[in-house]
Amino acid sequence: MEGTVLRTVKASAIALSCVVAGVGLAGCDEAEAFTGTRKLTVEGKSVNVSCSGSPVEDRPVIVLLHGGGDSLDKLAGIQQTLSATERVCSYDRLGAGASDQPGEPQTFDSTGRILTGVLDQIAADTPVVLAGHSLGGLIAGRYAPDHQDRVAGLVLLDATSPTQGADLDKTIPASATGLGAELKAQTVAVLRGENPERLAAPDGDVRPAGDIPVEVIQHGKPHLGVVPEYGPALERAWSEGQEKWRGLSSRSNLSTAANSGHYIYVDEPDLAVAAIRRVADQS
């Protein structure tokens, strides 16, 4: 569940472009290890990117993907912690934070091209570990199978289910009223692309991303349980969705953050950091 939907529940119950900070770097084929926040140009759009930590030989670059309705600012704490030992970057997707608005509705393909353009400039040929929360996890899970040459590992932090639409249809009937009906309607609208990123997120099968380490971590505090009548079923469906993500790799592991709601990296940052470092080690 993304952005306003979650807030409603709680309240109610090489390089596509090598232009850095407006300076053209023709023929750029190596990443610039800058520290701080910069605007990178990708496919003619300004993308807000934050990087910290020094490059480490034989270590992947960690790339954090925020959830829907969030921005890279939300990831600042975990990024700072990781940067003590890792090279780590985050970025605002189009329509989020300080990045440009998308010029047209987005798909997994188009948002994936933006991610590729960012990786070209911050990592070049260095493998990456993608760590995505919620919608960011869904994007990472869809991206990795088509980019096995550069994605060396995945950490999915309460990632949106790959079958979120079907999950809702199964748990909340069309005859539902009240908060359950409102939650379903809002989530379906978000999945159709009625969100700041204009990103449609249709259901799809989980495809293998190679024999890479994958950590799938789900929330332990049943925050969806506040939805009258449908709460327990929503929690079960969410857990089933997390299990489906294990299909990304034979080296996948599913665990539960017992003391976390949806924002695992906020509620239990040490757990999230340990998982990301573990995947980086294994990759």
C-alpha atoms as a PDB file:
ATOM      1  CA  MET A   1       0.000   0.000   0.000  1.00  0.00           C
ATOM      2  CA  GLU A   2       1.383   3.355  -0.971  1.00  0.00           C
ATOM      3  CA  GLY A   3       1.466   6.958   0.228  1.00  0.00           C
ATOM      4  CA  THR A   4      -2.006   8.353   0.860  1.00  0.00           C
ATOM      5  CA  VAL A   5      -3.509   4.866   1.027  1.00  0.00           C
ATOM      6  CA  LEU A   6      -1.367   3.970   4.036  1.00  0.00           C
ATOM      7  CA  ARG A   7      -2.058   7.314   5.673  1.00  0.00           C
ATOM      8  CA  THR A   8      -5.784   6.739   5.198  1.00  0.00           C
ATOM      9  CA  VAL A   9      -5.546   3.308   6.797  1.00  0.00           C
ATOM     10  CA  LYS A  10      -3.650   4.703   9.767  1.00  0.00           C
ATOM     11  CA  ALA A  11      -5.838   7.721  10.127  1.00  0.00           C
ATOM     12  CA  SER A  12      -9.090   5.807   9.764  1.00  0.00           C
ATOM     13  CA  ALA A  13      -8.292   2.653  11.157  1.00  0.00           C
ATOM     14  CA  ILE A  14      26.348   3.557 -20.652  1.00  0.00           C
ATOM     15  CA  ALA A  15      24.775   6.470 -20.345  1.00  0.00           C
ATOM     16  CA  LEU A  16      21.491   7.677 -21.691  1.00  0.00           C
ATOM     17  CA  SER A  17      22.787  11.107 -20.789  1.00  0.00           C
ATOM     18  CA  CYS A  18      26.011  12.186 -19.056  1.00  0.00           C
ATOM     19  CA  VAL A  19      25.063  15.697 -18.052  1.00  0.00           C
ATOM     20  CA  VAL A  20      25.855  16.422 -14.440  1.00  0.00           C
ATOM     21  CA  ALA A  21      24.660  19.631 -12.795  1.00  0.00           C
ATOM     22  CA  GLY A  22      24.112  21.170 -16.210  1.00  0.00           C
ATOM     23  CA  VAL A  23      27.629  20.446 -17.493  1.00  0.00           C
ATOM     24  CA  GLY A  24      27.801  18.111 -20.509  1.00  0.00           C
ATOM     25  CA  LEU A  25      30.291  15.273 -20.246  1.00  0.00           C
ATOM     26  CA  ALA A  26      30.360  13.884 -23.767  1.00  0.00           C
ATOM     27  CA  GLY A  27      31.482  10.282 -24.017  1.00  0.00           C
ATOM     28  CA  CYS A  28      31.168   9.760 -20.265  1.00  0.00           C
ATOM     29  CA  ASP A  29      31.652   6.058 -19.513  1.00  0.00           C
ATOM     30  CA  GLU A  30      32.784   6.126 -15.902  1.00  0.00           C
ATOM     31  CA  ALA A  31      30.827   6.995 -12.785  1.00  0.00           C
ATOM     32  CA  GLU A  32      31.733  10.143 -10.908  1.00  0.00           C
ATOM     33  CA  ALA A  33      32.028   9.374  -7.197  1.00  0.00           C
ATOM     34  CA  PHE A  34      30.484  12.613  -5.991  1.00  0.00           C
ATOM     35  CA  THR A  35      29.241  13.130  -2.460  1.00  0.00           C
ATOM     36  CA  GLY A  36      26.043  14.996  -1.724  1.00  0.00           C
ATOM     37  CA  THR A  37      23.051  15.757  -3.926  1.00  0.00           C
ATOM     38  CA  ARG A  38      23.199  16.508  -7.637  1.00  0.00           C
ATOM     39  CA  LYS A  39      20.806  16.830 -10.524  1.00  0.00           C
ATOM     40  CA  LEU A  40      21.578  14.320 -13.271  1.00  0.00           C
ATOM     41  CA  THR A  41      19.999  14.564 -16.690  1.00  0.00           C
ATOM     42  CA  VAL A  42      18.453  11.327 -17.926  1.00  0.00           C
ATOM     43  CA  GLU A  43      16.393  11.204 -21.113  1.00  0.00           C
ATOM     44  CA  GLY A  44      16.092  14.969 -21.014  1.00  0.00           C
ATOM     45  CA  LYS A  45      14.748  15.025 -17.448  1.00  0.00           C
ATOM     46  CA  SER A  46      16.387  16.334 -14.292  1.00  0.00           C
ATOM     47  CA  VAL A  47      16.732  13.553 -11.705  1.00  0.00           C
ATOM     48  CA  ASN A  48      17.653  14.365  -8.118  1.00  0.00           C
ATOM     49  CA  VAL A  49      20.357  11.976  -6.868  1.00  0.00           C
ATOM     50  CA  SER A  50      22.138  11.682  -3.520  1.00  0.00           C
ATOM     51  CA  CYS A  51      25.358   9.696  -3.058  1.00  0.00           C
ATOM     52  CA  SER A  52      27.592   9.129  -0.045  1.00  0.00           C
ATOM     53  CA  GLY A  53      30.376   6.857   1.112  1.00  0.00           C
ATOM     54  CA  SER A  54      33.537   5.968  -0.767  1.00  0.00           C
ATOM     55  CA  PRO A  55      33.702   3.380  -3.545  1.00  0.00           C
ATOM     56  CA  VAL A  56      35.011   0.077  -2.191  1.00  0.00           C
ATOM     57  CA  GLU A  57      36.950  -2.294  -4.430  1.00  0.00           C
ATOM     58  CA  ASP A  58      35.055  -5.491  -5.246  1.00  0.00           C
ATOM     59  CA  ARG A  59      31.918  -4.167  -3.537  1.00  0.00           C
ATOM     60  CA  PRO A  60      28.661  -3.277  -5.292  1.00  0.00           C
ATOM     61  CA  VAL A  61      27.116   0.171  -5.164  1.00  0.00           C
ATOM     62  CA  ILE A  62      24.026   0.181  -2.962  1.00  0.00           C
ATOM     63  CA  VAL A  63      21.056   1.956  -4.561  1.00  0.00           C
ATOM     64  CA  LEU A  64      18.033   2.758  -2.396  1.00  0.00           C
ATOM     65  CA  LEU A  65      14.561   3.087  -3.957  1.00  0.00           C
ATOM     66  CA  HIS A  66      11.921   4.984  -1.988  1.00  0.00           C
ATOM     67  CA  GLY A  67       8.266   4.042  -1.735  1.00  0.00           C
ATOM     68  CA  GLY A  68       5.376   5.738  -3.489  1.00  0.00           C
ATOM     69  CA  GLY A  69       4.543   9.180  -2.130  1.00  0.00           C
ATOM     70  CA  ASP A  70       8.007   9.444  -0.581  1.00  0.00           C
ATOM     71  CA  SER A  71      11.350  10.848  -1.724  1.00  0.00           C
ATOM     72  CA  LEU A  72      15.041  10.207  -1.129  1.00  0.00           C
ATOM     73  CA  ASP A  73      14.851  12.458   1.957  1.00  0.00           C
ATOM     74  CA  LYS A  74      12.991   9.652   3.748  1.00  0.00           C
ATOM     75  CA  LEU A  75      16.003   7.382   3.151  1.00  0.00           C
ATOM     76  CA  ALA A  76      18.602   9.826   4.518  1.00  0.00           C
ATOM     77  CA  GLY A  77      19.058   8.049   7.848  1.00  0.00           C
ATOM     78  CA  ILE A  78      19.663   4.568   6.478  1.00  0.00           C
ATOM     79  CA  GLN A  79      21.821   5.984   3.689  1.00  0.00           C
ATOM     80  CA  GLN A  80      24.043   7.765   6.203  1.00  0.00           C
ATOM     81  CA  THR A  81      24.460   4.587   8.242  1.00  0.00           C
ATOM     82  CA  LEU A  82      25.291   2.460   5.204  1.00  0.00           C
ATOM     83  CA  SER A  83      27.761   5.001   3.883  1.00  0.00           C
ATOM     84  CA  ALA A  84      30.148   4.274   6.749  1.00  0.00           C
ATOM     85  CA  THR A  85      31.180   1.095   4.921  1.00  0.00           C
ATOM     86  CA  GLU A  86      29.497   1.219   1.506  1.00  0.00           C
ATOM     87  CA  ARG A  87      29.112   3.424  -1.526  1.00  0.00           C
ATOM     88  CA  VAL A  88      25.385   4.174  -1.457  1.00  0.00           C
ATOM     89  CA  CYS A  89      23.085   6.326  -3.562  1.00  0.00           C
ATOM     90  CA  SER A  90      19.391   7.131  -3.729  1.00  0.00           C
ATOM     91  CA  TYR A  91      17.319   9.118  -6.176  1.00  0.00           C
ATOM     92  CA  ASP A  92      13.915  10.728  -6.624  1.00  0.00           C
ATOM     93  CA  ARG A  93      11.964   9.064  -9.402  1.00  0.00           C
ATOM     94  CA  LEU A  94      10.204  11.342 -11.875  1.00  0.00           C
ATOM     95  CA  GLY A  95       7.231  12.919 -10.137  1.00  0.00           C
ATOM     96  CA  ALA A  96       8.810  12.512  -6.699  1.00  0.00           C
ATOM     97  CA  GLY A  97      10.905  14.797  -4.519  1.00  0.00           C
ATOM     98  CA  ALA A  98      13.073  17.272  -6.402  1.00  0.00           C
ATOM     99  CA  SER A  99      13.093  15.438  -9.746  1.00  0.00           C
ATOM    100  CA  ASP A 100      11.187  16.622 -12.802  1.00  0.00           C
ATOM    101  CA  GLN A 101       7.612  15.652 -13.433  1.00  0.00           C
ATOM    102  CA  PRO A 102       7.114  12.889 -15.996  1.00  0.00           C
ATOM    103  CA  GLY A 103       6.046  14.186 -19.411  1.00  0.00           C
ATOM    104  CA  GLU A 104       3.614  11.319 -19.876  1.00  0.00           C
ATOM    105  CA  PRO A 105       2.223   8.342 -17.960  1.00  0.00           C
ATOM    106  CA  GLN A 106       4.959   5.976 -16.817  1.00  0.00           C
ATOM    107  CA  THR A 107       5.314   2.215 -17.072  1.00  0.00           C
ATOM    108  CA  PHE A 108       7.792  -0.221 -15.551  1.00  0.00           C
ATOM    109  CA  ASP A 109       9.745   0.066 -18.800  1.00  0.00           C
ATOM    110  CA  SER A 110       9.978   3.866 -18.726  1.00  0.00           C
ATOM    111  CA  THR A 111      10.758   4.147 -15.022  1.00  0.00           C
ATOM    112  CA  GLY A 112      13.301   1.364 -15.580  1.00  0.00           C
ATOM    113  CA  ARG A 113      15.000   3.413 -18.281  1.00  0.00           C
ATOM    114  CA  ILE A 114      15.358   6.285 -15.823  1.00  0.00           C
ATOM    115  CA  LEU A 115      16.869   3.885 -13.286  1.00  0.00           C
ATOM    116  CA  THR A 116      19.281   2.600 -15.941  1.00  0.00           C
ATOM    117  CA  GLY A 117      20.316   6.157 -16.799  1.00  0.00           C
ATOM    118  CA  VAL A 118      20.973   6.895 -13.139  1.00  0.00           C
ATOM    119  CA  LEU A 119      23.001   3.696 -12.711  1.00  0.00           C
ATOM    120  CA  ASP A 120      25.060   4.514 -15.783  1.00  0.00           C
ATOM    121  CA  GLN A 121      26.158   7.742 -14.139  1.00  0.00           C
ATOM    122  CA  ILE A 122      26.612   6.674 -10.517  1.00  0.00           C
ATOM    123  CA  ALA A 123      27.872   3.106 -10.940  1.00  0.00           C
ATOM    124  CA  ALA A 124      28.959   2.659 -14.585  1.00  0.00           C
ATOM    125  CA  ASP A 125      30.130  -0.976 -14.852  1.00  0.00           C
ATOM    126  CA  THR A 126      30.124  -1.618 -11.098  1.00  0.00           C
ATOM    127  CA  PRO A 127      27.385  -4.078 -10.060  1.00  0.00           C
ATOM    128  CA  VAL A 128      24.609  -2.738  -7.841  1.00  0.00           C
ATOM    129  CA  VAL A 129      22.442  -3.988  -5.020  1.00  0.00           C
ATOM    130  CA  LEU A 130      18.954  -2.521  -5.225  1.00  0.00           C
ATOM    131  CA  ALA A 131      17.175  -2.029  -1.904  1.00  0.00           C
ATOM    132  CA  GLY A 132      13.586  -0.953  -2.442  1.00  0.00           C
ATOM    133  CA  HIS A 133      10.770  -0.122  -0.059  1.00  0.00           C
ATOM    134  CA  SER A 134       7.127  -0.694  -0.989  1.00  0.00           C
ATOM    135  CA  LEU A 135       6.630   0.593  -4.560  1.00  0.00           C
ATOM    136  CA  GLY A 136      10.424   0.908  -4.807  1.00  0.00           C
ATOM    137  CA  GLY A 137      10.653  -2.796  -4.036  1.00  0.00           C
ATOM    138  CA  LEU A 138       8.114  -3.595  -6.736  1.00  0.00           C
ATOM    139  CA  ILE A 139      10.135  -1.558  -9.243  1.00  0.00           C
ATOM    140  CA  ALA A 140      13.363  -3.307  -8.189  1.00  0.00           C
ATOM    141  CA  GLY A 141      11.724  -6.718  -8.495  1.00  0.00           C
ATOM    142  CA  ARG A 142      10.482  -5.942 -11.996  1.00  0.00           C
ATOM    143  CA  TYR A 143      13.787  -4.370 -13.088  1.00  0.00           C
ATOM    144  CA  ALA A 144      16.267  -7.021 -11.952  1.00  0.00           C
ATOM    145  CA  PRO A 145      15.232  -9.906 -14.270  1.00  0.00           C
ATOM    146  CA  ASP A 146      15.900  -7.751 -17.350  1.00  0.00           C
ATOM    147  CA  HIS A 147      19.204  -6.384 -16.034  1.00  0.00           C
ATOM    148  CA  GLN A 148      21.016  -9.396 -14.685  1.00  0.00           C
ATOM    149  CA  ASP A 149      24.266  -7.993 -16.048  1.00  0.00           C
ATOM    150  CA  ARG A 150      24.304  -5.251 -13.425  1.00  0.00           C
ATOM    151  CA  VAL A 151      21.962  -6.165 -10.538  1.00  0.00           C
ATOM    152  CA  ALA A 152      24.004  -8.282  -8.135  1.00  0.00           C
ATOM    153  CA  GLY A 153      21.465  -8.515  -5.323  1.00  0.00           C
ATOM    154  CA  LEU A 154      18.101  -7.324  -4.045  1.00  0.00           C
ATOM    155  CA  VAL A 155      16.619  -6.301  -0.726  1.00  0.00           C
ATOM    156  CA  LEU A 156      12.835  -5.876  -0.765  1.00  0.00           C
ATOM    157  CA  LEU A 157      11.517  -4.043   2.283  1.00  0.00           C
ATOM    158  CA  ASP A 158       7.790  -4.777   2.518  1.00  0.00           C
ATOM    159  CA  ALA A 159       7.611  -4.512  -1.256  1.00  0.00           C
ATOM    160  CA  THR A 160       4.253  -4.021  -2.908  1.00  0.00           C
ATOM    161  CA  SER A 161       2.862  -7.415  -3.876  1.00  0.00           C
ATOM    162  CA  PRO A 162       3.435  -8.401  -7.523  1.00  0.00           C
ATOM    163  CA  THR A 163      -0.277  -9.241  -7.627  1.00  0.00           C
ATOM    164  CA  GLN A 164      -1.616  -6.348  -5.554  1.00  0.00           C
ATOM    165  CA  GLY A 165      -4.709  -5.823  -7.719  1.00  0.00           C
ATOM    166  CA  ALA A 166      -5.750  -9.470  -7.609  1.00  0.00           C
ATOM    167  CA  ASP A 167      -4.964  -9.593  -3.890  1.00  0.00           C
ATOM    168  CA  LEU A 168      -7.452  -6.794  -3.258  1.00  0.00           C
ATOM    169  CA  ASP A 169     -10.131  -8.392  -5.436  1.00  0.00           C
ATOM    170  CA  LYS A 170      -9.726 -11.599  -3.465  1.00  0.00           C
ATOM    171  CA  THR A 171      -9.930  -9.987  -0.041  1.00  0.00           C
ATOM    172  CA  ILE A 172     -12.331  -7.048  -0.470  1.00  0.00           C
ATOM    173  CA  PRO A 173     -15.478  -7.808  -2.509  1.00  0.00           C
ATOM    174  CA  ALA A 174     -17.171  -5.332  -4.814  1.00  0.00           C
ATOM    175  CA  SER A 175     -20.042  -5.146  -2.314  1.00  0.00           C
ATOM    176  CA  ALA A 176     -17.785  -3.820   0.453  1.00  0.00           C
ATOM    177  CA  THR A 177     -18.555  -0.490   2.084  1.00  0.00           C
ATOM    178  CA  GLY A 178     -16.789   1.805   4.521  1.00  0.00           C
ATOM    179  CA  LEU A 179     -13.040   1.827   5.010  1.00  0.00           C
ATOM    180  CA  GLY A 180     -12.532  -1.447   3.170  1.00  0.00           C
ATOM    181  CA  ALA A 181     -14.189  -0.105   0.037  1.00  0.00           C
ATOM    182  CA  GLU A 182     -12.305   3.183   0.332  1.00  0.00           C
ATOM    183  CA  LEU A 183      -8.962   1.427   0.716  1.00  0.00           C
ATOM    184  CA  LYS A 184      -9.631  -0.768  -2.306  1.00  0.00           C
ATOM    185  CA  ALA A 185     -10.740   2.129  -4.496  1.00  0.00           C
ATOM    186  CA  GLN A 186      -7.736   4.255  -3.586  1.00  0.00           C
ATOM    187  CA  THR A 187      -5.240   1.437  -4.101  1.00  0.00           C
ATOM    188  CA  VAL A 188      -6.741   0.436  -7.448  1.00  0.00           C
ATOM    189  CA  ALA A 189      -6.488   4.076  -8.564  1.00  0.00           C
ATOM    190  CA  VAL A 190      -2.822   4.191  -7.501  1.00  0.00           C
ATOM    191  CA  LEU A 191      -2.102   0.982  -9.405  1.00  0.00           C
ATOM    192  CA  ARG A 192      -3.742   2.493 -12.497  1.00  0.00           C
ATOM    193  CA  GLY A 193      -1.304   5.374 -12.375  1.00  0.00           C
ATOM    194  CA  GLU A 194      -3.279   7.945 -10.418  1.00  0.00           C
ATOM    195  CA  ASN A 195      -0.268   8.878  -8.305  1.00  0.00           C
ATOM    196  CA  PRO A 196       2.374  11.653  -8.395  1.00  0.00           C
ATOM    197  CA  GLU A 197       4.714   9.518 -10.508  1.00  0.00           C
ATOM    198  CA  ARG A 198       1.940   8.695 -12.990  1.00  0.00           C
ATOM    199  CA  LEU A 199       3.256   5.144 -12.824  1.00  0.00           C
ATOM    200  CA  ALA A 200       0.872   2.301 -13.640  1.00  0.00           C
ATOM    201  CA  ALA A 201       1.719  -0.896 -11.756  1.00  0.00           C
ATOM    202  CA  PRO A 202      -0.275  -3.807 -13.212  1.00  0.00           C
ATOM    203  CA  ASP A 203      -0.089  -7.285 -11.748  1.00  0.00           C
ATOM    204  CA  GLY A 204       2.471  -9.660 -13.195  1.00  0.00           C
ATOM    205  CA  ASP A 205       4.340 -12.890 -12.592  1.00  0.00           C
ATOM    206  CA  VAL A 206       7.601 -12.859 -10.666  1.00  0.00           C
ATOM    207  CA  ARG A 207      10.384 -13.687 -13.122  1.00  0.00           C
ATOM    208  CA  PRO A 208      13.781 -15.097 -12.122  1.00  0.00           C
ATOM    209  CA  ALA A 209      16.611 -12.574 -11.843  1.00  0.00           C
ATOM    210  CA  GLY A 210      19.449 -15.080 -11.871  1.00  0.00           C
ATOM    211  CA  ASP A 211      21.171 -16.781  -8.979  1.00  0.00           C
ATOM    212  CA  ILE A 212      21.547 -13.595  -6.943  1.00  0.00           C
ATOM    213  CA  PRO A 213      21.073 -13.108  -3.196  1.00  0.00           C
ATOM    214  CA  VAL A 214      17.612 -11.744  -2.411  1.00  0.00           C
ATOM    215  CA  GLU A 215      16.351 -10.687   1.018  1.00  0.00           C
ATOM    216  CA  VAL A 216      12.594 -10.225   1.288  1.00  0.00           C
ATOM    217  CA  ILE A 217      11.542  -8.653   4.581  1.00  0.00           C
ATOM    218  CA  GLN A 218       7.904  -8.185   5.535  1.00  0.00           C
ATOM    219  CA  HIS A 219       6.371  -6.147   8.347  1.00  0.00           C
ATOM    220  CA  GLY A 220       5.535  -7.862  11.615  1.00  0.00           C
ATOM    221  CA  LYS A 221       3.092  -5.366  13.105  1.00  0.00           C
ATOM    222  CA  PRO A 222      -0.304  -6.019  11.493  1.00  0.00           C
ATOM    223  CA  HIS A 223      -1.075  -2.425  10.519  1.00  0.00           C
ATOM    224  CA  LEU A 224      -3.593  -3.557   7.892  1.00  0.00           C
ATOM    225  CA  GLY A 225      -5.573  -5.138  10.710  1.00  0.00           C
ATOM    226  CA  VAL A 226      -7.156  -1.771  11.438  1.00  0.00           C
ATOM    227  CA  VAL A 227      -9.419  -2.230   8.410  1.00  0.00           C
ATOM    228  CA  PRO A 228     -12.713  -3.505   9.865  1.00  0.00           C
ATOM    229  CA  GLU A 229     -13.787  -6.967   8.711  1.00  0.00           C
ATOM    230  CA  TYR A 230     -11.064  -7.314   6.074  1.00  0.00           C
ATOM    231  CA  GLY A 231      -7.921  -6.641   8.124  1.00  0.00           C
ATOM    232  CA  PRO A 232      -6.832 -10.248   8.790  1.00  0.00           C
ATOM    233  CA  ALA A 233      -7.418 -11.242   5.152  1.00  0.00           C
ATOM    234  CA  LEU A 234      -5.420  -8.243   3.943  1.00  0.00           C
ATOM    235  CA  GLU A 235      -2.522  -9.238   6.183  1.00  0.00           C
ATOM    236  CA  ARG A 236      -2.601 -12.813   4.873  1.00  0.00           C
ATOM    237  CA  ALA A 237      -2.694 -11.604   1.267  1.00  0.00           C
ATOM    238  CA  TRP A 238       0.231  -9.255   1.920  1.00  0.00           C
ATOM    239  CA  SER A 239       2.280 -12.124   3.375  1.00  0.00           C
ATOM    240  CA  GLU A 240       1.438 -14.296   0.374  1.00  0.00           C
ATOM    241  CA  GLY A 241       2.638 -11.501  -1.890  1.00  0.00           C
ATOM    242  CA  GLN A 242       5.950 -11.362  -0.035  1.00  0.00           C
ATOM    243  CA  GLU A 243       6.348 -15.114  -0.481  1.00  0.00           C
ATOM    244  CA  LYS A 244       5.872 -14.709  -4.247  1.00  0.00           C
ATOM    245  CA  TRP A 245       8.916 -12.436  -4.400  1.00  0.00           C
ATOM    246  CA  ARG A 246      11.066 -15.407  -3.416  1.00  0.00           C
ATOM    247  CA  GLY A 247      10.639 -16.551  -7.014  1.00  0.00           C
ATOM    248  CA  LEU A 248      13.254 -13.980  -8.027  1.00  0.00           C
ATOM    249  CA  SER A 249      16.091 -16.324  -7.085  1.00  0.00           C
ATOM    250  CA  SER A 250      16.896 -19.709  -5.626  1.00  0.00           C
ATOM    251  CA  ARG A 251      19.059 -17.766  -3.164  1.00  0.00           C
ATOM    252  CA  SER A 252      16.138 -15.834  -1.722  1.00  0.00           C
ATOM    253  CA  ASN A 253      15.241 -15.538   1.931  1.00  0.00           C
ATOM    254  CA  LEU A 254      11.991 -14.326   3.487  1.00  0.00           C
ATOM    255  CA  SER A 255      11.977 -12.933   7.017  1.00  0.00           C
ATOM    256  CA  THR A 256       9.716 -10.850   9.227  1.00  0.00           C
ATOM    257  CA  ALA A 257      10.610  -7.607  10.966  1.00  0.00           C
ATOM    258  CA  ALA A 258       8.684  -8.373  14.148  1.00  0.00           C
ATOM    259  CA  ASN A 259       8.689  -4.822  15.493  1.00  0.00           C
ATOM    260  CA  SER A 260       8.007  -3.000  12.234  1.00  0.00           C
ATOM    261  CA  GLY A 261       5.060  -1.560  10.448  1.00  0.00           C
ATOM    262  CA  HIS A 262       5.272  -0.827   6.739  1.00  0.00           C
ATOM    263  CA  TYR A 263       8.356   1.399   7.100  1.00  0.00           C
ATOM    264  CA  ILE A 264      10.789  -1.302   8.157  1.00  0.00           C
ATOM    265  CA  TYR A 265      13.882   0.834   7.545  1.00  0.00           C
ATOM    266  CA  VAL A 266      12.468   3.477   9.904  1.00  0.00           C
ATOM    267  CA  ASP A 267      11.127   1.159  12.617  1.00  0.00           C
ATOM    268  CA  GLU A 268      14.089  -1.249  12.612  1.00  0.00           C
ATOM    269  CA  PRO A 269      16.909   0.458  10.729  1.00  0.00           C
ATOM    270  CA  ASP A 270      19.602  -1.873  12.097  1.00  0.00           C
ATOM    271  CA  LEU A 271      17.739  -4.863  10.697  1.00  0.00           C
ATOM    272  CA  ALA A 272      17.429  -3.243   7.260  1.00  0.00           C
ATOM    273  CA  VAL A 273      21.092  -2.177   7.236  1.00  0.00           C
ATOM    274  CA  ALA A 274      22.233  -5.670   8.216  1.00  0.00           C
ATOM    275  CA  ALA A 275      20.183  -7.233   5.415  1.00  0.00           C
ATOM    276  CA  ILE A 276      21.586  -4.842   2.804  1.00  0.00           C
ATOM    277  CA  ARG A 277      25.161  -5.434   3.942  1.00  0.00           C
ATOM    278  CA  ARG A 278      24.556  -9.183   3.986  1.00  0.00           C
ATOM    279  CA  VAL A 279      23.371  -9.130   0.382  1.00  0.00           C
ATOM    280  CA  ALA A 280      26.334  -6.953  -0.593  1.00  0.00           C
ATOM    281  CA  ASP A 281      28.665  -9.493   1.042  1.00  0.00           C
ATOM    282  CA  GLN A 282      27.023 -12.428  -0.737  1.00  0.00           C
ATOM    283  CA  SER A 283      26.984 -10.706  -4.098  1.00  0.00           C
END
